[in-house]
Protein backbone atom coordinates (compact mmCIF):
# COMPACT_ATOMS: atom_id res chain seq x y z
CA MET A 1 -26.45 -15.89 21.92
CA ALA A 2 -27.43 -12.48 20.56
CA LEU A 3 -24.69 -10.87 22.59
CA LEU A 4 -22.09 -13.23 21.08
CA VAL A 5 -23.28 -12.45 17.55
CA LEU A 6 -23.16 -8.74 18.31
CA ALA A 7 -19.64 -9.03 19.71
CA ILE A 8 -18.42 -10.93 16.62
CA PHE A 9 -20.06 -8.37 14.35
CA MET A 10 -18.41 -5.49 16.23
CA LEU A 11 -14.98 -7.15 15.99
CA ALA A 12 -15.44 -7.76 12.27
CA MET A 13 -16.40 -4.15 11.63
CA THR A 14 -13.55 -2.81 13.73
CA GLY A 15 -10.97 -4.93 11.89
CA ARG A 16 -12.13 -3.78 8.49
CA ALA A 17 -12.38 -0.12 9.30
CA SER A 18 -8.97 0.23 10.90
CA CYS A 19 -6.61 -0.74 8.08
CA THR A 20 -6.58 0.13 4.39
CA TRP A 21 -3.88 -0.43 1.82
CA CYS A 22 -3.42 0.58 -1.79
CA VAL A 23 -2.33 -2.08 -4.30
CA CYS A 24 -1.69 -2.23 -8.02
CA LYS A 25 -4.19 -3.96 -10.28
CA GLU A 26 -3.32 -6.87 -12.57
CA MET A 27 -1.84 -5.05 -15.59
CA SER A 28 1.16 -5.26 -17.87
CA ASP A 29 4.61 -4.72 -16.40
CA SER A 30 5.13 -1.62 -18.58
CA VAL A 31 1.97 0.05 -17.20
CA LEU A 32 2.83 -0.88 -13.63
CA GLN A 33 6.42 0.36 -14.10
CA GLN A 34 5.02 3.77 -15.06
CA THR A 35 2.89 3.75 -11.92
CA LEU A 36 5.86 2.68 -9.80
CA ASP A 37 8.04 5.44 -11.29
CA TYR A 38 5.36 8.06 -10.69
CA ALA A 39 4.72 7.03 -7.06
CA CYS A 40 8.45 6.96 -6.25
CA GLY A 41 8.97 10.36 -7.87
CA ALA A 42 5.95 11.92 -6.19
CA GLY A 43 6.76 11.17 -2.55
CA ALA A 44 6.51 7.43 -1.86
CA ASP A 45 9.25 5.87 0.22
CA CYS A 46 10.69 3.45 -2.32
CA GLY A 47 13.89 2.68 -0.40
CA PRO A 48 12.54 -0.66 0.88
CA VAL A 49 12.08 -1.98 -2.70
CA HIS A 50 15.66 -1.15 -3.76
CA GLN A 51 18.11 -4.04 -3.99
CA ASN A 52 18.96 -5.40 -0.50
CA GLY A 53 15.91 -3.56 0.92
CA PRO A 54 13.46 -5.52 3.10
CA CYS A 55 10.82 -5.40 0.34
CA PHE A 56 13.01 -6.08 -2.71
CA GLN A 57 11.83 -9.71 -2.86
CA PRO A 58 9.84 -10.75 -4.69
CA ASN A 59 11.71 -8.84 -7.38
CA THR A 60 8.72 -8.19 -9.64
CA VAL A 61 7.33 -4.96 -11.05
CA ARG A 62 3.94 -5.66 -9.50
CA ALA A 63 5.33 -6.30 -6.01
CA HIS A 64 7.42 -3.12 -6.13
CA CYS A 65 4.46 -1.20 -7.54
CA ASN A 66 2.28 -2.43 -4.66
CA TYR A 67 4.72 -1.16 -2.09
CA ALA A 68 5.23 2.20 -3.81
CA VAL A 69 1.54 3.03 -4.34
CA ASN A 70 0.74 2.01 -0.79
CA SER A 71 3.52 4.21 0.60
CA TYR A 72 2.24 7.14 -1.45
CA PHE A 73 -1.36 6.49 -0.36
CA GLN A 74 -0.40 6.32 3.33
CA ARG A 75 1.83 9.40 3.16
CA LYS A 76 -1.03 11.34 1.60
CA GLY A 77 -3.24 10.41 4.55
CA GLN A 78 -5.34 7.94 2.57
CA ALA A 79 -7.00 10.95 0.94
CA GLN A 80 -9.65 10.24 -1.66
CA GLY A 81 -8.09 9.80 -5.09
CA THR A 82 -4.56 9.06 -3.85
CA CYS A 83 -4.92 5.36 -4.68
CA ASP A 84 -6.09 5.63 -8.27
CA PHE A 85 -2.96 6.25 -10.35
CA LYS A 86 -4.97 6.61 -13.59
CA GLY A 87 -6.90 3.42 -12.78
CA THR A 88 -3.88 1.20 -12.15
CA ALA A 89 -4.36 0.84 -8.37
CA THR A 90 -7.18 0.18 -5.94
CA VAL A 91 -7.86 0.30 -2.20
CA SER A 92 -7.79 -3.03 -0.37
CA ALA A 93 -8.76 -4.19 3.10
CA SER A 94 -6.37 -7.17 2.80
CA ASP A 95 -2.85 -6.67 4.12
CA PRO A 96 -0.43 -7.21 1.18
CA SER A 97 2.60 -7.63 3.48
CA ILE A 98 4.72 -10.64 2.57
CA ASN A 99 7.98 -12.39 3.48
CA GLY A 100 9.19 -9.95 6.13
CA CYS A 101 8.06 -6.92 4.16
CA SER A 102 5.55 -4.96 6.19
CA TYR A 103 3.31 -2.54 4.27
CA PRO A 104 2.34 0.54 6.28
CA SER A 105 -1.38 0.81 7.00
CA SER A 106 -1.43 4.36 8.34
CA VAL A 107 0.20 7.74 7.93
CA SER A 108 2.15 7.31 11.14
CA ALA A 109 3.60 3.99 9.98
CA ALA A 110 4.46 5.39 6.55
CA GLY A 111 6.10 8.58 7.79
CA THR A 112 5.12 12.04 6.73
CA SER A 113 8.00 13.07 4.51
CA THR A 114 7.15 13.78 0.90
CA THR A 115 10.78 13.87 -0.22
CA PRO A 116 11.42 11.10 -2.76
CA THR A 117 14.01 8.48 -1.85
CA PRO A 118 16.65 8.14 -4.61
């Protein structure tokens, strides 16, 4: 029994430690739009949230902000402070991916380019 509990504990700890995302906090659309604009202009891959992109839907400022800040966070190697955005975003252990839109959870999945996507 103790071995089973230990195995479950180890699996739980492994799952939590391996993936981290950055998401926008519940705030006004105008504040989140500023965060979205900053992230896209500072190196996030925002192509997927453009119209007809795989992450355009849901077409909300918060959903697009979530994708942009996470892309920025991953491209910066999840470095401390890269998921703050003046207090508008936070680190999460819950995968925010939805409806065929996969959020990167690592630098390798996010790519390493820091060139903004128009």
